[in-house]
Amino acid sequence: MSTPSTALGPVSRTDARRNRALVLAAAQQAFAEHGISVSLAEIARRAGVGAGTVYRHFPTKSDLLEAVMQQRIDRLARFAAAHQNTADPGAAFFAVCTEVVASTPGNQALCDIVQSDDGWPRALIQSAGARFHRALEALLDAAQQQGAVRPDIALADVLDIFTGCVAIQRHQRPDRSLVRGAALVLDALRTTPVTKPATNPNSQNETPPRNETKGPRCPICATELHRPPTGRPARYCSAACRQKAHRRRAAQPLPPR
């Protein structure tokens, strides 16, 4: 017969993993709702476990913060890795960008503590961050080779843009969709900007090529002016427009003395 400790070993390990997952999920929600000031006792209550269970897995709140951040960054790294080797690298890259920006405001308190000078980031977070950066850079390279992202964009530029977009996204919608301001900033990464945030990630609502002005235009009717081979360039396209401009100037009131 097996000894009781041997028989209970796998069950205990399973319970320990389940309890740890419950604590992490409760901590993620509590930190998002109330910031990092929430107590470990409150997190234990939310997780439905005893306070001793929390302390066994995470002796300090810093340990719990680190584990929650590592879990979040690892999730983003897996999300980015899952979008590699797709038929449309550009769409995959912007799907990951949207997920990063749309999901971060709910983790703002955690992001603030990680960016502080209080000994952060820790080793676990640095390791998770490196995995995410590698996956994101691979997506960026593939999207640039496709021509969907500007060739002058580097990974550091994308990370800086994330910071700005997250600041805008703090005014988030209940459904966590991307706000227009953040979408416009992400739009700057594209080789051809879209006219408005796409509701469908597969849509390609791109603007047509612009008709750039080749020369001066008439200030009255906007007709393009043709430069004469000699003499002074014309200010108006016709005598009618010149007369209309004269009448507008005559109708303007004199400035006060």
Protein backbone atom coordinates (compact mmCIF):
# COMPACT_ATOMS: atom_id res chain seq x y z
CA MET A 1 0.00 0.00 0.00
CA SER A 2 1.08 3.54 -0.63
CA THR A 3 1.79 5.75 2.31
CA PRO A 4 -0.74 8.53 2.96
CA SER A 5 1.82 11.20 2.07
CA THR A 6 2.51 9.53 -1.28
CA ALA A 7 -1.19 9.10 -2.01
CA LEU A 8 -1.97 12.68 -1.13
CA GLY A 9 1.04 14.14 -2.92
CA PRO A 10 -0.46 14.57 -6.44
CA VAL A 11 -3.75 15.80 -4.96
CA SER A 12 -1.92 18.36 -2.86
CA ARG A 13 0.06 19.60 -5.85
CA THR A 14 -3.14 19.89 -7.87
CA ASP A 15 -4.82 21.82 -5.06
CA ALA A 16 -1.77 24.06 -4.73
CA ARG A 17 -1.81 24.91 -8.44
CA ARG A 18 -5.55 25.57 -8.34
CA ASN A 19 -5.24 27.81 -5.27
CA ARG A 20 -2.35 29.73 -6.82
CA ALA A 21 -4.39 30.33 -9.97
CA LEU A 22 -7.34 31.51 -7.86
CA VAL A 23 -5.13 33.94 -5.93
CA LEU A 24 -3.59 35.34 -9.12
CA ALA A 25 -7.00 35.85 -10.74
CA ALA A 26 -8.37 37.55 -7.61
CA ALA A 27 -5.27 39.72 -7.30
CA GLN A 28 -5.47 40.79 -10.94
CA GLN A 29 -9.06 41.93 -10.49
CA ALA A 30 -8.47 43.56 -7.11
CA PHE A 31 -5.43 45.51 -8.30
CA ALA A 32 -7.32 46.68 -11.38
CA GLU A 33 -10.27 47.90 -9.31
CA HIS A 34 -8.54 49.35 -6.25
CA GLY A 35 -4.86 49.72 -7.06
CA ILE A 36 -1.96 48.08 -5.29
CA SER A 37 -3.11 49.27 -1.86
CA VAL A 38 -5.57 46.37 -1.59
CA SER A 39 -4.62 44.01 1.24
CA LEU A 40 -3.60 40.38 0.89
CA ALA A 41 -6.46 39.49 3.23
CA GLU A 42 -8.93 41.03 0.76
CA ILE A 43 -7.33 39.10 -2.08
CA ALA A 44 -7.64 35.89 -0.06
CA ARG A 45 -11.33 36.63 0.55
CA ARG A 46 -11.93 37.19 -3.16
CA ALA A 47 -10.06 34.00 -4.05
CA GLY A 48 -12.05 31.96 -1.52
CA VAL A 49 -8.93 30.73 0.27
CA GLY A 50 -7.38 31.39 3.64
CA ALA A 51 -4.85 34.15 4.19
CA GLY A 52 -2.26 31.49 4.99
CA THR A 53 -2.68 30.04 1.51
CA VAL A 54 -1.87 33.42 -0.04
CA TYR A 55 1.22 33.86 2.14
CA ARG A 56 2.48 30.36 1.36
CA HIS A 57 2.51 31.15 -2.37
CA PHE A 58 3.40 34.84 -2.09
CA PRO A 59 5.17 35.79 1.16
CA THR A 60 5.02 39.53 0.32
CA LYS A 61 2.81 41.75 -1.75
CA SER A 62 5.79 42.47 -4.01
CA ASP A 63 5.99 38.76 -4.80
CA LEU A 64 2.31 38.76 -5.71
CA LEU A 65 2.66 41.90 -7.83
CA GLU A 66 5.57 40.34 -9.70
CA ALA A 67 3.62 37.13 -10.35
CA VAL A 68 0.56 39.02 -11.61
CA MET A 69 2.67 41.14 -13.97
CA GLN A 70 4.59 38.11 -15.21
CA GLN A 71 1.31 36.35 -15.91
CA ARG A 72 -0.01 39.32 -17.88
CA ILE A 73 3.17 39.79 -19.93
CA ASP A 74 3.41 36.07 -20.62
CA ARG A 75 -0.19 36.14 -21.86
CA LEU A 76 0.68 38.95 -24.28
CA ALA A 77 3.80 37.08 -25.40
CA ARG A 78 1.72 33.96 -26.13
CA PHE A 79 -0.86 36.12 -27.92
CA ALA A 80 1.88 37.63 -30.12
CA ALA A 81 3.51 34.25 -30.77
CA ALA A 82 0.16 32.76 -31.81
CA HIS A 83 -0.18 35.46 -34.48
CA GLN A 84 3.15 34.65 -36.15
CA ASN A 85 3.34 32.84 -39.49
CA THR A 86 -0.12 34.02 -40.55
CA ALA A 87 -1.17 34.79 -44.11
CA ASP A 88 -1.59 38.48 -43.27
CA PRO A 89 1.32 39.66 -41.05
CA GLY A 90 0.11 43.26 -41.12
CA ALA A 91 -3.30 42.38 -39.73
CA ALA A 92 -1.65 40.13 -37.13
CA PHE A 93 0.74 42.89 -36.01
CA PHE A 94 -2.04 45.45 -35.56
CA ALA A 95 -4.24 42.89 -33.79
CA VAL A 96 -1.49 42.46 -31.20
CA CYS A 97 -0.98 46.23 -30.91
CA THR A 98 -4.71 46.69 -30.33
CA GLU A 99 -4.77 43.98 -27.65
CA VAL A 100 -1.81 45.52 -25.80
CA VAL A 101 -3.29 49.01 -25.78
CA ALA A 102 -6.91 48.01 -25.08
CA SER A 103 -6.05 45.68 -22.20
CA THR A 104 -3.42 47.75 -20.39
CA PRO A 105 -5.53 50.48 -18.68
CA GLY A 106 -7.14 47.82 -16.48
CA ASN A 107 -3.61 47.01 -15.29
CA GLN A 108 -2.47 50.61 -14.90
CA ALA A 109 -1.66 50.37 -11.20
CA LEU A 110 0.61 47.43 -11.90
CA CYS A 111 2.27 49.22 -14.80
CA ASP A 112 2.91 52.26 -12.61
CA ILE A 113 4.67 50.25 -9.91
CA VAL A 114 6.77 48.39 -12.48
CA GLN A 115 7.90 51.69 -14.01
CA SER A 116 8.83 53.14 -10.61
CA ASP A 117 12.34 53.24 -9.16
CA ASP A 118 11.53 50.87 -6.29
CA GLY A 119 13.69 47.98 -7.50
CA TRP A 120 11.50 47.16 -10.48
CA PRO A 121 11.35 45.46 -12.88
CA ARG A 122 12.17 42.16 -11.21
CA ALA A 123 13.95 39.27 -12.91
CA LEU A 124 10.75 37.33 -13.70
CA ILE A 125 9.18 40.35 -15.36
CA GLN A 126 12.34 41.09 -17.32
CA SER A 127 12.35 37.53 -18.63
CA ALA A 128 8.67 37.69 -19.61
CA GLY A 129 9.23 41.09 -21.20
CA ALA A 130 12.09 39.74 -23.29
CA ARG A 131 9.86 36.95 -24.60
CA PHE A 132 7.14 39.44 -25.51
CA HIS A 133 9.62 41.78 -27.22
CA ARG A 134 11.01 38.93 -29.34
CA ALA A 135 7.54 37.87 -30.47
CA LEU A 136 6.48 41.46 -31.18
CA GLU A 137 9.67 42.21 -33.13
CA ALA A 138 9.14 39.11 -35.27
CA LEU A 139 5.63 40.33 -36.10
CA LEU A 140 6.95 43.81 -36.85
CA ASP A 141 9.58 42.45 -39.26
CA ALA A 142 7.03 40.31 -41.08
CA ALA A 143 4.57 43.21 -41.37
CA GLN A 144 7.30 45.47 -42.75
CA GLN A 145 8.32 42.84 -45.31
CA GLN A 146 4.68 42.68 -46.38
CA GLY A 147 4.63 46.48 -46.74
CA ALA A 148 1.92 46.98 -44.13
CA VAL A 149 4.13 48.88 -41.67
CA ARG A 150 6.50 51.75 -42.38
CA PRO A 151 10.07 50.52 -42.92
CA ASP A 152 11.57 53.18 -40.63
CA ILE A 153 9.77 51.85 -37.53
CA ALA A 154 11.84 50.03 -34.90
CA LEU A 155 10.69 48.01 -31.90
CA ALA A 156 11.58 50.90 -29.57
CA ASP A 157 9.24 53.16 -31.59
CA VAL A 158 6.38 50.67 -31.19
CA LEU A 159 6.92 50.46 -27.42
CA ASP A 160 6.97 54.28 -27.15
CA ILE A 161 3.74 54.45 -29.14
CA PHE A 162 2.20 51.90 -26.77
CA THR A 163 2.94 54.26 -23.87
CA GLY A 164 1.15 57.15 -25.58
CA CYS A 165 -1.79 55.03 -26.69
CA VAL A 166 -2.30 53.60 -23.21
CA ALA A 167 -2.45 57.14 -21.78
CA ILE A 168 -5.22 57.90 -24.28
CA GLN A 169 -6.93 54.56 -23.74
CA ARG A 170 -7.43 55.27 -20.04
CA HIS A 171 -10.72 56.83 -21.17
CA GLN A 172 -11.70 53.33 -22.20
CA ARG A 173 -15.09 52.02 -23.20
CA PRO A 174 -16.91 49.33 -21.22
CA ASP A 175 -16.29 46.77 -24.00
CA ARG A 176 -12.53 47.53 -24.00
CA SER A 177 -12.62 48.54 -27.66
CA LEU A 178 -9.91 50.85 -28.94
CA VAL A 179 -10.76 54.55 -28.55
CA ARG A 180 -10.40 56.71 -31.66
CA GLY A 181 -7.43 58.72 -30.39
CA ALA A 182 -5.39 55.59 -29.69
CA ALA A 183 -6.37 54.12 -33.07
CA LEU A 184 -5.17 57.25 -34.83
CA VAL A 185 -1.79 57.01 -33.11
CA LEU A 186 -1.41 53.34 -34.08
CA ASP A 187 -2.44 54.36 -37.58
CA ALA A 188 0.82 56.29 -37.89
CA LEU A 189 2.67 52.96 -38.08
CA ARG A 190 0.99 52.04 -41.35
CA THR A 191 2.47 52.69 -44.76
CA THR A 192 -1.00 53.79 -45.89
CA PRO A 193 -3.11 55.28 -43.05
CA VAL A 194 -6.73 54.24 -42.67
CA THR A 195 -9.43 56.88 -42.46
CA LYS A 196 -11.02 55.67 -39.25
CA PRO A 197 -10.60 52.90 -36.65
CA ALA A 198 -11.71 49.63 -38.22
CA THR A 199 -14.41 47.71 -36.37
CA ASN A 200 -13.43 44.55 -38.24
CA PRO A 201 -9.74 43.59 -37.89
CA ASN A 202 -9.87 42.03 -41.37
CA SER A 203 -11.17 45.18 -43.03
CA GLN A 204 -8.77 47.32 -45.03
CA ASN A 205 -10.53 50.68 -45.13
CA GLU A 206 -7.61 52.58 -46.58
CA THR A 207 -7.62 56.05 -48.04
CA PRO A 208 -7.18 56.42 -51.81
CA PRO A 209 -3.99 58.03 -53.09
CA ARG A 210 -3.92 61.75 -52.46
CA ASN A 211 -4.07 64.26 -55.30
CA GLU A 212 -1.24 66.55 -54.37
CA THR A 213 -1.41 70.17 -55.54
CA LYS A 214 1.09 70.71 -58.35
CA GLY A 215 0.90 74.52 -58.46
CA PRO A 216 -0.79 77.62 -57.02
CA ARG A 217 -4.57 77.84 -57.15
CA CYS A 218 -7.02 80.69 -57.58
CA PRO A 219 -8.05 81.96 -54.10
CA ILE A 220 -11.63 82.46 -55.33
CA CYS A 221 -12.53 79.24 -57.16
CA ALA A 222 -9.49 77.04 -56.39
CA THR A 223 -8.77 76.44 -60.08
CA GLU A 224 -5.13 75.58 -60.68
CA LEU A 225 -3.19 78.52 -62.07
CA HIS A 226 -0.87 78.02 -65.00
CA ARG A 227 2.39 79.87 -64.87
CA PRO A 228 3.00 82.03 -67.95
CA PRO A 229 6.35 81.54 -69.71
CA THR A 230 7.23 85.19 -69.03
CA GLY A 231 6.00 87.98 -66.81
CA ARG A 232 4.41 88.02 -63.36
CA PRO A 233 2.46 84.90 -62.28
CA ALA A 234 -1.32 85.33 -62.34
CA ARG A 235 -3.08 85.65 -58.98
CA TYR A 236 -6.54 84.74 -60.34
CA CYS A 237 -7.70 82.35 -63.02
CA SER A 238 -9.91 84.89 -64.81
CA ALA A 239 -11.05 88.49 -64.88
CA ALA A 240 -14.31 87.42 -63.22
CA CYS A 241 -12.48 86.02 -60.21
CA ARG A 242 -10.25 89.09 -60.06
CA GLN A 243 -13.36 91.32 -59.98
CA LYS A 244 -14.99 89.15 -57.32
CA ALA A 245 -11.90 89.44 -55.14
CA HIS A 246 -11.96 93.23 -55.57
CA ARG A 247 -15.60 93.40 -54.45
CA ARG A 248 -14.81 91.28 -51.36
CA ARG A 249 -11.98 93.60 -50.36
CA ALA A 250 -14.17 96.67 -50.87
CA ALA A 251 -16.91 95.19 -48.68
CA GLN A 252 -14.59 94.61 -45.74
CA PRO A 253 -14.89 97.25 -42.93
CA LEU A 254 -11.97 99.51 -42.27
CA PRO A 255 -9.88 98.63 -39.23
CA PRO A 256 -10.36 100.88 -36.16
CA ARG A 257 -7.82 103.65 -35.66
